């Protein structure tokens, strides 16, 4: 089964570029242009990894989205790769302290981003099914 990536990026050109590269790497990709849309999609429970831009325009920035993701039992287990064009290390420290699994600075080499994604997906494959906080019932439903 193909791994499912949620890409939350408000810049259309960046979103298209990353989505094309992820799909070329045989990953299934859903994208959201804003934080609220991304959170709604993530809570559906069909996401293996999230790529999240810090500088989202709109009601929520990437740090706020990350906090919501990590506070929800439905999404806390999903690894998040944060991306940003910000200079300095402050945002990196804030992202990691907030629960991001990885942080990548823009502009980035797409191979580097794909390497981060593959590494995190492989690590989650090694976890027992119950490690994500969700128990799957025999009828296919999920119970937290």
Protein backbone atom coordinates (compact mmCIF):
# COMPACT_ATOMS: atom_id res chain seq x y z
CA UNK A 1 0.00 0.00 0.00
CA UNK A 2 1.29 3.46 -0.92
CA UNK A 3 2.14 5.76 1.94
CA UNK A 4 -0.10 8.80 2.28
CA UNK A 5 1.40 12.26 2.68
CA UNK A 6 -0.52 15.39 3.63
CA UNK A 7 1.15 18.53 2.29
CA UNK A 8 0.05 21.76 4.01
CA UNK A 9 1.51 24.66 2.02
CA UNK A 10 -0.16 27.94 1.08
CA UNK A 11 2.19 28.84 -1.77
CA UNK A 12 0.71 27.25 -4.90
CA UNK A 13 4.02 26.97 -6.78
CA UNK A 14 5.76 25.34 -3.80
CA UNK A 15 2.80 23.01 -3.23
CA UNK A 16 2.76 21.89 -6.86
CA UNK A 17 6.53 21.34 -6.95
CA UNK A 18 6.57 19.28 -3.74
CA UNK A 19 3.46 17.33 -4.70
CA UNK A 20 4.91 16.39 -8.10
CA UNK A 21 8.18 15.19 -6.53
CA UNK A 22 6.38 13.18 -3.84
CA UNK A 23 4.08 11.56 -6.41
CA UNK A 24 7.08 10.75 -8.60
CA UNK A 25 8.52 8.97 -5.55
CA UNK A 26 5.36 6.80 -5.57
CA UNK A 27 3.73 8.43 -2.56
CA UNK A 28 0.04 9.29 -2.42
CA UNK A 29 -0.33 13.01 -1.75
CA UNK A 30 -3.22 15.13 -0.55
CA UNK A 31 -2.66 18.84 -0.24
CA UNK A 32 -4.18 21.67 1.74
CA UNK A 33 -3.66 25.39 1.19
CA UNK A 34 -4.25 26.33 4.82
CA UNK A 35 -4.01 25.14 8.38
CA UNK A 36 -7.70 24.54 9.09
CA UNK A 37 -8.15 22.55 5.87
CA UNK A 38 -5.03 20.53 6.71
CA UNK A 39 -6.21 19.77 10.24
CA UNK A 40 -9.60 18.60 8.96
CA UNK A 41 -7.95 16.26 6.49
CA UNK A 42 -5.45 14.92 9.04
CA UNK A 43 -8.25 14.08 11.47
CA UNK A 44 -9.83 11.76 8.90
CA UNK A 45 -7.12 9.30 9.93
CA UNK A 46 -5.71 8.39 6.55
CA UNK A 47 -2.33 10.17 6.76
CA UNK A 48 1.09 8.56 7.32
CA UNK A 49 3.16 11.78 7.37
CA UNK A 50 2.56 15.54 7.18
CA UNK A 51 4.74 18.15 5.50
CA UNK A 52 3.84 21.50 7.06
CA UNK A 53 4.93 24.99 6.05
CA UNK A 54 5.53 27.33 8.99
CA UNK A 55 4.64 30.53 7.16
CA UNK A 56 1.02 29.74 6.36
CA UNK A 57 -1.18 32.73 5.65
CA UNK A 58 -4.65 32.82 7.10
CA UNK A 59 -5.96 32.12 10.57
CA UNK A 60 -3.23 29.71 11.69
CA UNK A 61 0.51 29.60 11.13
CA UNK A 62 2.44 26.34 10.98
CA UNK A 63 3.34 26.38 14.67
CA UNK A 64 -0.34 26.66 15.62
CA UNK A 65 -1.22 23.82 13.28
CA UNK A 66 1.57 21.69 14.76
CA UNK A 67 0.28 22.35 18.29
CA UNK A 68 -3.23 21.27 17.27
CA UNK A 69 -1.90 18.14 15.58
CA UNK A 70 0.14 17.12 18.61
CA UNK A 71 -2.70 17.90 21.06
CA UNK A 72 -5.21 15.67 19.28
CA UNK A 73 -5.25 11.92 20.02
CA UNK A 74 -6.32 11.42 16.40
CA UNK A 75 -3.19 13.02 14.95
CA UNK A 76 -0.51 13.14 17.67
CA UNK A 77 1.18 10.00 16.31
CA UNK A 78 1.65 11.36 12.77
CA UNK A 79 5.22 12.49 12.06
CA UNK A 80 5.46 16.10 10.87
CA UNK A 81 8.21 17.56 8.70
CA UNK A 82 8.20 21.34 9.01
CA UNK A 83 9.50 23.48 6.16
CA UNK A 84 10.32 27.19 6.21
CA UNK A 85 12.23 29.89 4.43
CA UNK A 86 13.05 31.55 7.75
CA UNK A 87 16.68 32.26 8.58
CA UNK A 88 18.34 31.15 11.77
CA UNK A 89 17.90 28.25 14.13
CA UNK A 90 15.15 29.64 16.35
CA UNK A 91 12.33 28.24 14.22
CA UNK A 92 14.09 24.86 14.08
CA UNK A 93 14.24 24.69 17.87
CA UNK A 94 10.62 25.83 18.19
CA UNK A 95 9.46 23.23 15.66
CA UNK A 96 11.32 20.38 17.31
CA UNK A 97 10.14 21.45 20.78
CA UNK A 98 6.59 21.52 19.43
CA UNK A 99 6.79 17.92 18.30
CA UNK A 100 8.03 18.08 14.70
CA UNK A 101 9.96 14.98 13.66
CA UNK A 102 12.15 16.98 11.28
CA UNK A 103 12.66 20.54 10.02
CA UNK A 104 13.89 21.46 6.55
CA UNK A 105 14.92 24.96 5.44
CA UNK A 106 13.75 26.39 2.09
CA UNK A 107 15.03 26.48 -0.50
CA UNK A 108 15.77 22.81 -0.12
CA UNK A 109 17.07 20.09 -2.32
CA UNK A 110 14.10 17.88 -3.12
CA UNK A 111 16.24 14.76 -2.65
CA UNK A 112 16.97 15.90 0.92
CA UNK A 113 13.26 16.34 1.67
CA UNK A 114 12.44 12.94 0.14
CA UNK A 115 15.19 11.36 2.22
CA UNK A 116 13.68 12.84 5.40
CA UNK A 117 10.23 11.58 4.39
CA UNK A 118 11.46 8.07 3.59
CA UNK A 119 13.43 7.84 6.85
CA UNK A 120 10.43 8.87 8.94
CA UNK A 121 8.06 6.55 7.08
CA UNK A 122 10.46 3.64 7.57
CA UNK A 123 10.70 4.43 11.29
CA UNK A 124 6.93 4.41 11.68
CA UNK A 125 6.75 1.04 9.91
CA UNK A 126 8.89 -0.41 12.71
CA UNK A 127 6.47 0.67 15.46
CA UNK A 128 3.88 -1.78 16.77
CA UNK A 129 0.35 -1.00 15.55
CA UNK A 130 -0.73 0.14 19.01
CA UNK A 131 2.10 2.69 19.29
CA UNK A 132 0.09 5.30 17.43
CA UNK A 133 -2.54 5.42 20.16
CA UNK A 134 -5.30 3.99 18.02
CA UNK A 135 -6.66 0.51 18.44
CA UNK A 136 -8.35 -0.91 15.37
CA UNK A 137 -11.45 -2.96 16.02
CA UNK A 138 -12.19 -6.12 14.07
CA UNK A 139 -14.92 -4.34 12.11
CA UNK A 140 -12.35 -1.87 10.77
CA UNK A 141 -13.39 1.04 12.97
CA UNK A 142 -10.88 2.76 15.21
CA UNK A 143 -11.11 3.32 18.93
CA UNK A 144 -8.85 5.64 20.85
